[in-house]
C-alpha atoms as a PDB file:
ATOM      1  CA  MET A   1     131.680 145.496 -43.780  1.00  0.00           C
ATOM      2  CA  SER A   2     134.460 147.913 -42.984  1.00  0.00           C
ATOM      3  CA  LEU A   3     136.917 147.547 -40.172  1.00  0.00           C
ATOM      4  CA  GLY A   4     135.469 150.684 -38.576  1.00  0.00           C
ATOM      5  CA  SER A   5     131.982 149.201 -38.215  1.00  0.00           C
ATOM      6  CA  ILE A   6     133.435 146.536 -35.918  1.00  0.00           C
ATOM      7  CA  PHE A   7     133.592 149.188 -33.195  1.00  0.00           C
ATOM      8  CA  ASP A   8     129.866 149.934 -33.613  1.00  0.00           C
ATOM      9  CA  ILE A   9     128.952 146.256 -33.495  1.00  0.00           C
ATOM     10  CA  ALA A  10     131.123 145.463 -30.475  1.00  0.00           C
ATOM     11  CA  GLY A  11     129.920 148.657 -28.777  1.00  0.00           C
ATOM     12  CA  SER A  12     126.289 147.646 -29.185  1.00  0.00           C
ATOM     13  CA  GLY A  13     127.158 144.254 -27.688  1.00  0.00           C
ATOM     14  CA  MET A  14     128.871 145.920 -24.734  1.00  0.00           C
ATOM     15  CA  THR A  15     125.844 148.156 -24.155  1.00  0.00           C
ATOM     16  CA  ALA A  16     123.496 145.160 -24.246  1.00  0.00           C
ATOM     17  CA  GLN A  17     125.625 143.107 -21.851  1.00  0.00           C
ATOM     18  CA  SER A  18     125.971 146.074 -19.505  1.00  0.00           C
ATOM     19  CA  LEU A  19     122.175 146.325 -19.338  1.00  0.00           C
ATOM     20  CA  ARG A  20     121.983 142.571 -18.739  1.00  0.00           C
ATOM     21  CA  LEU A  21     124.451 142.917 -15.852  1.00  0.00           C
ATOM     22  CA  ASN A  22     122.394 145.756 -14.373  1.00  0.00           C
ATOM     23  CA  THR A  23     119.135 143.796 -14.485  1.00  0.00           C
ATOM     24  CA  THR A  24     120.891 140.774 -12.958  1.00  0.00           C
ATOM     25  CA  ALA A  25     122.259 142.948 -10.144  1.00  0.00           C
ATOM     26  CA  SER A  26     118.773 144.347  -9.543  1.00  0.00           C
ATOM     27  CA  ASN A  27     117.317 140.841  -9.393  1.00  0.00           C
ATOM     28  CA  ILE A  28     119.938 139.645  -6.910  1.00  0.00           C
ATOM     29  CA  ALA A  29     119.550 142.768  -4.767  1.00  0.00           C
ATOM     30  CA  ASN A  30     115.791 142.206  -4.508  1.00  0.00           C
ATOM     31  CA  ALA A  31     115.894 138.419  -4.091  1.00  0.00           C
ATOM     32  CA  GLU A  32     114.919 138.536  -0.412  1.00  0.00           C
ATOM     33  CA  THR A  33     112.556 141.509  -0.332  1.00  0.00           C
ATOM     34  CA  ALA A  34     109.305 140.598   1.364  1.00  0.00           C
ATOM     35  CA  SER A  35     105.811 141.809   0.639  1.00  0.00           C
ATOM     36  CA  SER A  36     102.327 141.136   1.952  1.00  0.00           C
ATOM     37  CA  SER A  37     100.648 140.908  -1.474  1.00  0.00           C
ATOM     38  CA  THR A  38     101.409 139.523  -4.918  1.00  0.00           C
ATOM     39  CA  GLU A  39     100.793 142.908  -6.555  1.00  0.00           C
ATOM     40  CA  THR A  40     103.595 144.670  -4.678  1.00  0.00           C
ATOM     41  CA  THR A  41     106.159 141.846  -4.772  1.00  0.00           C
ATOM     42  CA  TYR A  42     109.241 142.342  -6.916  1.00  0.00           C
ATOM     43  CA  ARG A  43     109.378 140.119 -10.013  1.00  0.00           C
ATOM     44  CA  ALA A  44     112.571 139.029 -11.768  1.00  0.00           C
ATOM     45  CA  ARG A  45     113.381 141.078 -14.859  1.00  0.00           C
ATOM     46  CA  LYS A  46     115.139 139.949 -18.050  1.00  0.00           C
ATOM     47  CA  PRO A  47     116.241 142.036 -21.045  1.00  0.00           C
ATOM     48  CA  VAL A  48     115.110 141.001 -24.526  1.00  0.00           C
ATOM     49  CA  PHE A  49     117.676 141.424 -27.309  1.00  0.00           C
ATOM     50  CA  ALA A  50     117.303 141.469 -31.091  1.00  0.00           C
ATOM     51  CA  ALA A  51     119.927 141.329 -33.819  1.00  0.00           C
ATOM     52  CA  ILE A  52     120.267 144.366 -36.039  1.00  0.00           C
ATOM     53  CA  GLN A  53     120.642 143.274 -39.652  1.00  0.00           C
ATOM     54  CA  GLN A  54     122.802 145.322 -41.957  1.00  0.00           C
ATOM     55  CA  SER A  55     121.118 146.033 -45.270  1.00  0.00           C
ATOM     56  CA  LEU A  56     123.502 145.247 -48.089  1.00  0.00           C
ATOM     57  CA  LEU A  57     123.131 147.700 -50.922  1.00  0.00           C
ATOM     58  CA  ASN A  58     123.211 146.157 -54.369  1.00  0.00           C
ATOM     59  CA  PRO A  59     124.672 142.727 -53.467  1.00  0.00           C
ATOM     60  CA  VAL A  60     125.024 141.693 -57.133  1.00  0.00           C
ATOM     61  CA  SER A  61     127.518 144.439 -57.965  1.00  0.00           C
ATOM     62  CA  GLN A  62     129.603 143.598 -54.913  1.00  0.00           C
ATOM     63  CA  GLY A  63     129.747 139.933 -55.861  1.00  0.00           C
ATOM     64  CA  LEU A  64     127.928 138.897 -52.713  1.00  0.00           C
ATOM     65  CA  ALA A  65     125.314 136.172 -52.680  1.00  0.00           C
ATOM     66  CA  PHE A  66     123.413 137.589 -49.710  1.00  0.00           C
ATOM     67  CA  THR A  67     119.902 138.894 -49.986  1.00  0.00           C
ATOM     68  CA  SER A  68     118.751 141.666 -47.687  1.00  0.00           C
ATOM     69  CA  GLU A  69     117.178 139.083 -45.347  1.00  0.00           C
ATOM     70  CA  GLN A  70     120.468 137.165 -45.100  1.00  0.00           C
ATOM     71  CA  GLY A  71     122.707 140.201 -44.666  1.00  0.00           C
ATOM     72  CA  ALA A  72     125.532 140.400 -42.178  1.00  0.00           C
ATOM     73  CA  GLY A  73     124.709 141.373 -38.623  1.00  0.00           C
ATOM     74  CA  ALA A  74     125.294 144.930 -37.545  1.00  0.00           C
ATOM     75  CA  GLY A  75     124.971 144.609 -33.792  1.00  0.00           C
ATOM     76  CA  VAL A  76     122.360 144.083 -31.138  1.00  0.00           C
ATOM     77  CA  ARG A  77     119.606 146.243 -29.724  1.00  0.00           C
ATOM     78  CA  VAL A  78     117.513 145.984 -26.596  1.00  0.00           C
ATOM     79  CA  GLU A  79     113.861 145.353 -27.416  1.00  0.00           C
ATOM     80  CA  GLY A  80     112.780 145.812 -23.816  1.00  0.00           C
ATOM     81  CA  ILE A  81     112.810 144.385 -20.332  1.00  0.00           C
ATOM     82  CA  VAL A  82     110.190 141.840 -19.341  1.00  0.00           C
ATOM     83  CA  GLU A  83     109.083 140.677 -15.918  1.00  0.00           C
ATOM     84  CA  SER A  84     109.047 136.964 -15.162  1.00  0.00           C
ATOM     85  CA  GLN A  85     105.602 135.425 -14.843  1.00  0.00           C
ATOM     86  CA  ALA A  86     106.843 132.523 -12.695  1.00  0.00           C
ATOM     87  CA  ASP A  87     105.071 131.892  -9.416  1.00  0.00           C
ATOM     88  CA  LEU A  88     106.147 133.959  -6.437  1.00  0.00           C
ATOM     89  CA  GLN A  89     107.486 132.262  -3.319  1.00  0.00           C
ATOM     90  CA  MET A  90     104.918 132.189  -0.555  1.00  0.00           C
ATOM     91  CA  ARG A  91     106.271 131.454   2.938  1.00  0.00           C
ATOM     92  CA  TYR A  92     104.365 131.010   6.144  1.00  0.00           C
ATOM     93  CA  GLN A  93     105.915 133.524   8.590  1.00  0.00           C
ATOM     94  CA  PRO A  94     103.186 134.902  10.851  1.00  0.00           C
ATOM     95  CA  GLU A  95     105.725 136.816  12.982  1.00  0.00           C
ATOM     96  CA  HIS A  96     107.069 138.774   9.956  1.00  0.00           C
ATOM     97  CA  PRO A  97     105.994 142.456   9.862  1.00  0.00           C
ATOM     98  CA  ALA A  98     104.974 142.121   6.181  1.00  0.00           C
ATOM     99  CA  ALA A  99     102.825 139.031   6.740  1.00  0.00           C
ATOM    100  CA  ASN A 100      99.273 139.173   5.413  1.00  0.00           C
ATOM    101  CA  GLU A 101      96.218 138.287   7.501  1.00  0.00           C
ATOM    102  CA  ASP A 102      96.837 134.554   6.879  1.00  0.00           C
ATOM    103  CA  GLY A 103     100.472 134.811   8.057  1.00  0.00           C
ATOM    104  CA  TYR A 104     102.034 134.455   4.604  1.00  0.00           C
ATOM    105  CA  VAL A 105     104.826 136.582   3.185  1.00  0.00           C
ATOM    106  CA  PHE A 106     105.497 136.795  -0.560  1.00  0.00           C
ATOM    107  CA  TYR A 107     109.051 136.740  -1.892  1.00  0.00           C
ATOM    108  CA  PRO A 108     110.263 137.432  -5.443  1.00  0.00           C
ATOM    109  CA  ASN A 109     110.541 134.726  -8.086  1.00  0.00           C
ATOM    110  CA  VAL A 110     114.299 135.289  -8.342  1.00  0.00           C
ATOM    111  CA  ASN A 111     116.505 132.214  -8.647  1.00  0.00           C
ATOM    112  CA  VAL A 112     119.870 133.403  -7.312  1.00  0.00           C
ATOM    113  CA  VAL A 113     121.795 130.492  -8.878  1.00  0.00           C
ATOM    114  CA  GLU A 114     120.336 131.293 -12.301  1.00  0.00           C
ATOM    115  CA  GLU A 115     121.115 134.975 -11.806  1.00  0.00           C
ATOM    116  CA  MET A 116     124.741 134.191 -10.938  1.00  0.00           C
ATOM    117  CA  ALA A 117     125.046 132.107 -14.118  1.00  0.00           C
ATOM    118  CA  ASP A 118     123.561 135.007 -16.116  1.00  0.00           C
ATOM    119  CA  MET A 119     126.009 137.369 -14.447  1.00  0.00           C
ATOM    120  CA  MET A 120     129.013 135.226 -15.404  1.00  0.00           C
ATOM    121  CA  SER A 121     127.721 134.801 -18.958  1.00  0.00           C
ATOM    122  CA  SER A 122     127.108 138.515 -19.499  1.00  0.00           C
ATOM    123  CA  SER A 123     130.443 139.411 -17.930  1.00  0.00           C
ATOM    124  CA  ARG A 124     132.272 137.061 -20.304  1.00  0.00           C
ATOM    125  CA  SER A 125     130.296 138.326 -23.285  1.00  0.00           C
ATOM    126  CA  TYR A 126     131.193 141.888 -22.347  1.00  0.00           C
ATOM    127  CA  GLN A 127     134.876 140.935 -22.087  1.00  0.00           C
ATOM    128  CA  MET A 128     134.749 139.241 -25.504  1.00  0.00           C
ATOM    129  CA  ASN A 129     133.417 142.451 -27.054  1.00  0.00           C
ATOM    130  CA  VAL A 130     136.246 144.382 -25.388  1.00  0.00           C
ATOM    131  CA  ASP A 131     138.739 141.890 -26.865  1.00  0.00           C
ATOM    132  CA  ILE A 132     137.189 142.335 -30.320  1.00  0.00           C
ATOM    133  CA  MET A 133     137.605 146.104 -30.055  1.00  0.00           C
ATOM    134  CA  ASN A 134     141.221 145.742 -28.940  1.00  0.00           C
ATOM    135  CA  THR A 135     141.959 143.369 -31.819  1.00  0.00           C
ATOM    136  CA  ALA A 136     140.387 145.732 -34.352  1.00  0.00           C
ATOM    137  CA  LYS A 137     142.362 148.638 -32.902  1.00  0.00           C
ATOM    138  CA  SER A 138     145.567 146.617 -33.157  1.00  0.00           C
ATOM    139  CA  MET A 139     144.791 145.714 -36.779  1.00  0.00           C
ATOM    140  CA  MET A 140     144.192 149.377 -37.644  1.00  0.00           C
ATOM    141  CA  GLN A 141     147.497 150.366 -36.041  1.00  0.00           C
ATOM    142  CA  ARG A 142     149.326 147.691 -38.060  1.00  0.00           C
ATOM    143  CA  ILE A 143     147.720 148.961 -41.264  1.00  0.00           C
ATOM    144  CA  LEU A 144     149.097 152.442 -40.503  1.00  0.00           C
ATOM    145  CA  THR A 145     152.626 151.079 -40.090  1.00  0.00           C
ATOM    146  CA  LEU A 146     152.620 149.233 -43.460  1.00  0.00           C
ATOM    147  CA  GLY A 147     153.693 152.325 -45.379  1.00  0.00           C
ATOM    148  CA  GLN A 148     156.593 153.108 -43.043  1.00  0.00           C
ATOM    149  CA  GLN A 149     158.736 150.155 -44.104  1.00  0.00           C
END
């Protein structure tokens, strides 16, 4: 793995965490939206990530013991965004304009405390990827100054 590929790996991590932050923000923004039916009620969304494995070409000649299945990681990709299948919150509020004929209003299955924890986790993961990029940049700059002495 070259020093330059670190930027691609950290960049893919930043992209993934940015998407995670966006879905968390969407969940929090819709946490108190009311609906009169289960079909139209907002459901919490979560991104699904997968590791991208780097294929190592000819590991025997490089002196590496990895097989292609055990190769080094090359980043992360977003497989998709899934909706939570948890039960919706049903509240009895007959005076609410969105109440159904039985007086119930449906609210999303968003747990705001869980979403805040996800937000802090993704924010810290994003910052760690930024720190990795800054460290790699610093290392590259130091390599350039080796010949000047």
